[in-house]
Amino acid sequence: MDSIYLNALNIVFGLTRIRKLLKTFKTAERAWRAPVGKILRLDFDGIGIREALEKRETTDPKAEWAKLEKLNIKTISFFEKSYPKLLKETGSPPTLLYLKGCADLLKEKCLAVVGTRTPSSYGRAAVEMLVPKIAAAGLTVVSGLAQGVDALTHLATLKAGGKTIGVLGCGLDQIYPKMNEPIAKEMLAKNNLIVSEYPVGTPALRQNFPARNRIIAGLSLGTLVIESKADGGALITAKQALEANREVFALPGPITYPTAAGTNKLIQEGAKVILTAEDILQELNLKVLTGEEKIKVNLDKLSADEKNMVSLIQKEPAHIDKIIQITKLKPHVVSSTLTGLELKGFIKNTGGQIYTLL
């Protein structure tokens, strides 16, 4: 029940006021129902708080919650055990997170990968070289679903069979920029996650993105900046990572490239130079997992049928007909199980219904 009122408070009052309201009234429902006079005595900004109180009068908490349910959006509050531990340790963690997709990814070790919206061919090649190995090490890759490096990062992770989280600067009822809707759909179809601190209906306002960046940095063990101009938004993410005592990694670039000015500056200021994915993994005490190692680590998460099929494919690439013959399962069961294993990043269809380990 309290989540219903937390969502309503988030819609009406915003992060800073919510904290003071909850501290004063103890529960979200009490805060929502608090008399106007008591709220006005809390020393909020006069004009802003009166506008919020007027908005409260026309906001129905249960109707707003129904919108989330209709869109299949879940929430995690700061007060729940499932709230991401690393994010909770930052200076201003969101009171409420909105989630679409696989919430379990918030429990995994994450690395943020960010950069310019206009990457050079060098930056694009760097994403293709670095991100698959980062994903293969078992790290969940976090980015902002923005144009440029962010979009390339999500796509490279998906292509490698890895897991990725997209953090938005708007409500989860929309994707910004709209051109990245296909990426978001693929992410969700493959059991990944999209996150926001903003209620549904919140547009992608310019001021939302620096705040969004603190979540990207806060969820992650470290932040890798691929390319950034001297005043690029990726530098804000790097700064927020440092403020949260996280690692900052930067890709060096040619001094003649405007998109290398920001990363080279980060390196001058102490960011770790990254030439290979192994440089990052070494700093984080991780290693790239082979397909077989990935299976050993995650085998306990598979069903009996999935384990049998992985064991079969592990010996040699196998056609679906052979898998049906050996497992003695119905064709539609084998087909759906193989699809599930593909989505989980264990196997791939190399063409002609022949399956092999990733």
Protein backbone atom coordinates (compact mmCIF):
# COMPACT_ATOMS: atom_id res chain seq x y z
CA MET A 1 0.00 0.00 0.00
CA ASP A 2 2.80 2.45 0.86
CA SER A 3 4.21 2.13 -2.67
CA ILE A 4 0.95 3.56 -4.02
CA TYR A 5 1.40 6.69 -1.93
CA LEU A 6 5.15 6.91 -2.58
CA ASN A 7 4.38 7.03 -6.28
CA ALA A 8 1.80 9.78 -5.68
CA LEU A 9 4.28 11.76 -3.54
CA ASN A 10 6.88 11.39 -6.29
CA ILE A 11 4.45 12.74 -8.88
CA VAL A 12 3.47 15.74 -6.78
CA PHE A 13 6.36 16.72 -4.51
CA GLY A 14 9.66 15.46 -5.96
CA LEU A 15 12.76 13.94 -4.32
CA THR A 16 13.86 16.65 -1.86
CA ARG A 17 10.40 17.34 -0.46
CA ILE A 18 9.58 13.62 -0.21
CA ARG A 19 12.50 13.09 2.14
CA LYS A 20 11.37 15.84 4.48
CA LEU A 21 7.74 14.68 4.34
CA LEU A 22 8.67 11.08 5.14
CA LYS A 23 10.98 12.16 7.94
CA THR A 24 8.14 14.18 9.47
CA PHE A 25 5.12 11.94 8.89
CA LYS A 26 6.91 8.53 8.97
CA THR A 27 4.84 6.80 6.26
CA ALA A 28 4.00 7.71 2.68
CA GLU A 29 0.25 7.45 3.29
CA ARG A 30 0.40 9.79 6.30
CA ALA A 31 2.55 12.23 4.33
CA TRP A 32 0.07 12.15 1.45
CA ARG A 33 -2.90 12.76 3.71
CA ALA A 34 -1.18 15.36 5.92
CA PRO A 35 -3.15 18.62 6.43
CA VAL A 36 -2.06 21.60 4.35
CA GLY A 37 -1.20 23.62 7.45
CA LYS A 38 1.23 21.01 8.77
CA ILE A 39 2.97 20.73 5.40
CA LEU A 40 3.31 24.52 5.08
CA ARG A 41 5.03 24.62 8.47
CA LEU A 42 7.87 22.43 7.13
CA ASP A 43 9.65 25.44 5.61
CA PHE A 44 9.39 24.46 1.95
CA ASP A 45 9.75 26.99 -0.87
CA GLY A 46 6.48 28.97 -0.68
CA ILE A 47 5.39 29.14 -4.32
CA GLY A 48 6.55 25.63 -5.25
CA ILE A 49 4.92 23.92 -2.29
CA ARG A 50 1.58 25.65 -2.87
CA GLU A 51 1.61 24.48 -6.49
CA ALA A 52 2.38 20.96 -5.29
CA LEU A 53 -0.47 21.05 -2.79
CA GLU A 54 -2.86 22.18 -5.53
CA LYS A 55 -1.65 19.29 -7.68
CA ARG A 56 -2.27 16.90 -4.78
CA GLU A 57 -5.94 17.83 -4.83
CA THR A 58 -6.34 16.57 -8.40
CA THR A 59 -4.10 13.49 -8.11
CA ASP A 60 -5.64 10.09 -7.34
CA PRO A 61 -2.92 7.76 -5.93
CA LYS A 62 -4.77 4.57 -6.87
CA ALA A 63 -5.49 5.77 -10.41
CA GLU A 64 -1.82 6.68 -10.86
CA TRP A 65 -0.80 3.25 -9.57
CA ALA A 66 -3.20 1.62 -12.03
CA LYS A 67 -1.29 3.34 -14.85
CA LEU A 68 1.89 1.58 -13.72
CA GLU A 69 0.16 -1.79 -13.56
CA LYS A 70 -1.28 -1.31 -17.05
CA LEU A 71 2.21 -0.59 -18.41
CA ASN A 72 3.74 -3.50 -16.44
CA ILE A 73 6.00 -1.10 -14.54
CA LYS A 74 7.25 -2.20 -11.11
CA THR A 75 8.73 -0.06 -8.35
CA ILE A 76 11.42 -0.43 -5.70
CA SER A 77 11.59 2.06 -2.87
CA PHE A 78 14.65 3.14 -0.92
CA PHE A 79 13.19 1.37 2.12
CA GLU A 80 13.04 -2.10 0.54
CA LYS A 81 15.77 -4.74 0.90
CA SER A 82 15.82 -5.18 -2.88
CA TYR A 83 16.92 -1.56 -3.45
CA PRO A 84 20.35 -1.56 -5.17
CA LYS A 85 23.03 -1.51 -2.47
CA LEU A 86 25.56 0.57 -4.41
CA LEU A 87 22.97 3.16 -5.38
CA LYS A 88 21.84 3.45 -1.76
CA GLU A 89 25.41 4.38 -0.79
CA THR A 90 25.44 7.49 -3.00
CA GLY A 91 24.74 11.02 -1.80
CA SER A 92 21.22 11.41 -3.22
CA PRO A 93 19.64 8.05 -4.07
CA PRO A 94 16.12 8.21 -5.55
CA THR A 95 13.33 7.44 -3.10
CA LEU A 96 11.56 5.42 -5.77
CA LEU A 97 12.81 3.57 -8.84
CA TYR A 98 10.50 2.59 -11.69
CA LEU A 99 11.45 -0.65 -13.44
CA LYS A 100 10.51 -2.39 -16.65
CA GLY A 101 12.05 -5.78 -17.34
CA CYS A 102 14.29 -8.01 -15.24
CA ALA A 103 14.69 -6.40 -11.80
CA ASP A 104 17.17 -9.13 -10.77
CA LEU A 105 19.83 -7.33 -12.82
CA LEU A 106 19.98 -4.73 -10.04
CA LYS A 107 21.61 -7.42 -7.88
CA GLU A 108 24.41 -8.04 -10.38
CA LYS A 109 27.83 -6.41 -10.64
CA CYS A 110 27.52 -3.51 -13.08
CA LEU A 111 29.80 -1.30 -15.13
CA ALA A 112 28.61 1.98 -16.64
CA VAL A 113 29.66 2.74 -20.22
CA VAL A 114 28.88 6.25 -21.45
CA GLY A 115 30.04 8.77 -24.01
CA THR A 116 29.24 11.34 -26.64
CA ARG A 117 26.10 11.35 -28.75
CA THR A 118 28.30 11.87 -31.83
CA PRO A 119 31.06 9.25 -31.64
CA SER A 120 33.85 9.08 -34.18
CA SER A 121 34.67 5.90 -36.09
CA TYR A 122 37.38 5.38 -33.47
CA GLY A 123 34.82 5.57 -30.65
CA ARG A 124 32.47 3.19 -32.45
CA ALA A 125 35.27 0.69 -32.96
CA ALA A 126 36.23 0.99 -29.28
CA VAL A 127 32.69 0.09 -28.20
CA GLU A 128 32.74 -2.95 -30.48
CA MET A 129 36.11 -4.03 -29.08
CA LEU A 130 35.58 -3.39 -25.36
CA VAL A 131 31.92 -3.92 -24.52
CA PRO A 132 31.53 -7.59 -25.59
CA LYS A 133 34.45 -8.59 -23.37
CA ILE A 134 33.06 -6.58 -20.47
CA ALA A 135 29.74 -8.40 -20.90
CA ALA A 136 31.53 -11.75 -21.24
CA ALA A 137 33.11 -11.18 -17.83
CA GLY A 138 29.64 -11.32 -16.34
CA LEU A 139 29.26 -7.59 -15.76
CA THR A 140 25.85 -6.05 -16.44
CA VAL A 141 26.45 -3.02 -18.67
CA VAL A 142 24.66 0.18 -17.64
CA SER A 143 24.10 3.13 -19.97
CA GLY A 144 21.58 5.86 -20.72
CA LEU A 145 19.79 4.68 -23.89
CA ALA A 146 20.80 7.97 -25.50
CA GLN A 147 21.92 8.48 -29.07
CA GLY A 148 25.55 7.65 -29.85
CA VAL A 149 27.81 5.74 -27.47
CA ASP A 150 24.92 4.75 -25.19
CA ALA A 151 22.92 3.14 -28.00
CA LEU A 152 26.02 1.43 -29.42
CA THR A 153 26.84 0.09 -25.95
CA HIS A 154 23.41 -1.46 -25.42
CA LEU A 155 23.50 -3.00 -28.92
CA ALA A 156 27.02 -4.41 -28.48
CA THR A 157 26.00 -5.96 -25.16
CA LEU A 158 22.89 -7.55 -26.67
CA LYS A 159 24.87 -8.85 -29.64
CA ALA A 160 27.35 -10.47 -27.25
CA GLY A 161 24.56 -12.14 -25.30
CA GLY A 162 25.25 -9.98 -22.24
CA LYS A 163 22.92 -8.16 -19.88
CA THR A 164 22.27 -4.42 -19.92
CA ILE A 165 20.38 -1.75 -17.99
CA GLY A 166 19.13 1.47 -19.60
CA VAL A 167 18.52 4.47 -17.33
CA LEU A 168 16.11 7.10 -18.66
CA GLY A 169 15.66 10.80 -17.97
CA CYS A 170 11.89 10.54 -18.53
CA GLY A 171 8.98 8.32 -17.53
CA LEU A 172 8.99 4.67 -18.59
CA ASP A 173 5.91 5.20 -20.74
CA GLN A 174 8.22 6.63 -23.41
CA ILE A 175 11.73 6.20 -24.80
CA TYR A 176 13.92 9.20 -25.49
CA PRO A 177 15.16 9.62 -28.12
CA LYS A 178 12.31 7.94 -29.99
CA MET A 179 14.78 6.52 -32.52
CA ASN A 180 16.04 4.16 -29.78
CA GLU A 181 12.65 2.52 -29.21
CA PRO A 182 13.73 -0.60 -31.18
CA ILE A 183 16.76 -0.98 -28.89
CA ALA A 184 14.57 -0.69 -25.79
CA LYS A 185 12.14 -3.27 -27.19
CA GLU A 186 14.99 -5.69 -27.92
CA MET A 187 16.38 -5.15 -24.42
CA LEU A 188 13.05 -6.04 -22.84
CA ALA A 189 12.47 -8.97 -25.18
CA LYS A 190 15.83 -10.40 -24.08
CA ASN A 191 15.12 -10.03 -20.37
CA ASN A 192 17.09 -6.87 -19.68
CA LEU A 193 16.02 -3.81 -17.69
CA ILE A 194 15.00 -0.17 -18.15
CA VAL A 195 15.00 2.12 -15.10
CA SER A 196 13.89 5.65 -14.23
CA GLU A 197 13.29 7.73 -11.13
CA TYR A 198 10.65 9.75 -13.00
CA PRO A 199 6.90 9.00 -12.87
CA VAL A 200 5.08 8.02 -16.05
CA GLY A 201 4.19 11.04 -18.11
CA THR A 202 7.39 12.91 -17.24
CA PRO A 203 8.91 14.32 -20.46
CA ALA A 204 12.62 14.18 -21.26
CA LEU A 205 13.48 17.62 -19.89
CA ARG A 206 17.04 18.89 -20.26
CA GLN A 207 17.53 19.17 -16.49
CA ASN A 208 16.59 15.52 -15.96
CA PHE A 209 19.73 14.14 -17.56
CA PRO A 210 22.42 15.19 -15.04
CA ALA A 211 20.17 13.66 -12.35
CA ARG A 212 19.75 10.52 -14.51
CA ASN A 213 23.54 10.26 -14.79
CA ARG A 214 23.97 9.89 -11.02
CA ILE A 215 21.87 6.70 -11.20
CA ILE A 216 24.01 5.31 -14.02
CA ALA A 217 27.14 5.94 -11.95
CA GLY A 218 25.50 4.90 -8.68
CA LEU A 219 24.44 1.45 -9.89
CA SER A 220 27.94 0.65 -11.08
CA LEU A 221 31.31 -0.44 -9.70
CA GLY A 222 32.90 1.98 -12.13
CA THR A 223 32.25 4.17 -15.16
CA LEU A 224 33.98 3.89 -18.53
CA VAL A 225 33.89 6.99 -20.72
CA ILE A 226 34.44 6.04 -24.36
CA GLU A 227 34.47 9.51 -25.95
CA SER A 228 33.40 12.93 -24.71
CA LYS A 229 33.74 16.51 -25.78
CA ALA A 230 35.31 18.93 -23.32
CA ASP A 231 31.89 19.86 -21.90
CA GLY A 232 30.10 16.56 -22.57
CA GLY A 233 27.41 15.09 -20.34
CA ALA A 234 29.48 11.93 -19.90
CA LEU A 235 31.89 13.98 -17.79
CA ILE A 236 29.02 14.62 -15.36
CA THR A 237 28.59 10.86 -14.99
CA ALA A 238 32.33 10.48 -14.39
CA LYS A 239 32.26 13.22 -11.75
CA GLN A 240 29.33 11.57 -10.01
CA ALA A 241 31.15 8.23 -10.07
CA LEU A 242 34.12 9.85 -8.33
CA GLU A 243 31.82 11.46 -5.75
CA ALA A 244 30.43 8.00 -5.02
CA ASN A 245 33.98 6.62 -4.61
CA ARG A 246 33.74 4.51 -7.76
CA GLU A 247 36.38 3.84 -10.39
CA VAL A 248 36.54 6.06 -13.47
CA PHE A 249 38.04 4.67 -16.68
CA ALA A 250 38.70 6.66 -19.84
CA LEU A 251 39.65 5.79 -23.39
CA PRO A 252 42.49 8.00 -24.63
CA GLY A 253 42.03 9.58 -28.03
CA PRO A 254 43.85 11.68 -30.64
CA ILE A 255 44.39 15.26 -29.49
CA THR A 256 42.93 16.45 -32.80
CA TYR A 257 39.54 14.81 -32.08
CA PRO A 258 36.97 17.06 -30.33
CA THR A 259 35.36 13.88 -28.97
CA ALA A 260 38.61 12.96 -27.23
CA ALA A 261 39.02 16.26 -25.39
CA GLY A 262 36.87 15.17 -22.45
CA THR A 263 38.38 11.72 -22.01
CA ASN A 264 41.94 13.02 -22.31
CA LYS A 265 41.10 15.62 -19.67
CA LEU A 266 39.76 12.88 -17.37
CA ILE A 267 43.04 11.00 -17.78
CA GLN A 268 45.00 14.14 -16.92
CA GLU A 269 42.90 14.41 -13.76
CA GLY A 270 43.57 10.83 -12.69
CA ALA A 271 41.12 8.55 -14.50
CA LYS A 272 42.55 5.15 -15.37
CA VAL A 273 43.68 4.79 -18.98
CA ILE A 274 41.90 1.95 -20.77
CA LEU A 275 43.45 0.25 -23.78
CA THR A 276 41.78 -3.15 -23.42
CA ALA A 277 38.78 -4.59 -21.58
CA GLU A 278 41.23 -6.56 -19.46
CA ASP A 279 42.51 -3.26 -18.01
CA ILE A 280 39.06 -2.68 -16.48
CA LEU A 281 38.58 -6.27 -15.37
CA GLN A 282 41.96 -6.29 -13.66
CA GLU A 283 41.08 -3.15 -11.71
CA LEU A 284 37.80 -4.76 -10.65
CA ASN A 285 39.42 -8.18 -9.96
CA LEU A 286 37.35 -9.89 -12.65
CA LYS A 287 38.13 -11.93 -15.76
CA VAL A 288 36.54 -12.68 -19.11
CA LEU A 289 34.51 -15.88 -18.85
CA THR A 290 34.56 -18.40 -21.68
CA GLY A 291 31.26 -19.92 -22.74
CA GLU A 292 31.99 -23.02 -20.65
CA GLU A 293 32.96 -20.96 -17.58
CA LYS A 294 29.77 -18.89 -17.94
CA ILE A 295 27.76 -22.11 -17.96
CA LYS A 296 29.48 -23.44 -14.82
CA VAL A 297 28.75 -20.20 -12.98
CA ASN A 298 25.09 -20.05 -14.05
CA LEU A 299 24.14 -23.72 -14.39
CA ASP A 300 22.17 -23.71 -11.15
CA LYS A 301 19.83 -21.09 -12.65
CA LEU A 302 18.72 -23.41 -15.46
CA SER A 303 15.82 -25.85 -15.59
CA ALA A 304 16.44 -29.59 -16.07
CA ASP A 305 15.56 -29.40 -19.79
CA GLU A 306 17.84 -26.37 -20.25
CA LYS A 307 20.73 -28.14 -18.51
CA ASN A 308 20.30 -31.22 -20.72
CA MET A 309 20.33 -29.14 -23.91
CA VAL A 310 23.33 -27.08 -22.84
CA SER A 311 25.21 -30.29 -21.99
CA LEU A 312 24.38 -31.69 -25.42
CA ILE A 313 25.39 -28.52 -27.31
CA GLN A 314 28.53 -28.20 -25.17
CA LYS A 315 29.93 -31.36 -26.80
CA GLU A 316 29.44 -30.09 -30.35
CA PRO A 317 27.12 -27.82 -32.37
CA ALA A 318 23.77 -29.55 -32.79
CA HIS A 319 20.83 -29.26 -35.17
CA ILE A 320 17.40 -28.88 -33.58
CA ASP A 321 16.30 -32.24 -35.04
CA LYS A 322 19.19 -33.97 -33.29
CA ILE A 323 18.31 -32.24 -30.01
CA ILE A 324 14.68 -33.40 -30.36
CA GLN A 325 15.85 -36.95 -31.12
CA ILE A 326 18.25 -37.18 -28.16
CA THR A 327 16.11 -35.41 -25.54
CA LYS A 328 12.89 -37.13 -26.68
CA LEU A 329 11.02 -33.90 -25.96
CA LYS A 330 8.23 -32.50 -28.12
CA PRO A 331 9.43 -30.17 -30.91
CA HIS A 332 7.63 -27.11 -29.53
CA VAL A 333 9.22 -27.69 -26.09
CA VAL A 334 12.70 -27.95 -27.59
CA SER A 335 12.13 -24.87 -29.74
CA SER A 336 10.93 -22.69 -26.84
CA THR A 337 13.71 -23.95 -24.54
CA LEU A 338 16.39 -23.17 -27.12
CA THR A 339 14.93 -19.70 -27.60
CA GLY A 340 15.09 -19.17 -23.84
CA LEU A 341 18.74 -20.25 -23.73
CA GLU A 342 19.51 -17.81 -26.55
CA LEU A 343 17.87 -14.96 -24.64
CA LYS A 344 19.87 -15.87 -21.54
CA GLY A 345 23.11 -15.69 -23.52
CA PHE A 346 24.17 -19.35 -23.34
CA ILE A 347 23.81 -20.43 -26.97
CA LYS A 348 23.27 -18.99 -30.42
CA ASN A 349 21.60 -20.14 -33.63
CA THR A 350 24.38 -20.09 -36.23
CA GLY A 351 21.86 -20.53 -39.05
CA GLY A 352 19.79 -23.42 -40.32
CA GLN A 353 18.65 -24.25 -36.77
CA ILE A 354 22.16 -25.33 -35.74
CA TYR A 355 23.00 -24.31 -32.17
CA THR A 356 26.38 -23.74 -30.54
CA LEU A 357 27.69 -22.28 -27.29
CA LEU A 358 28.33 -18.55 -27.23
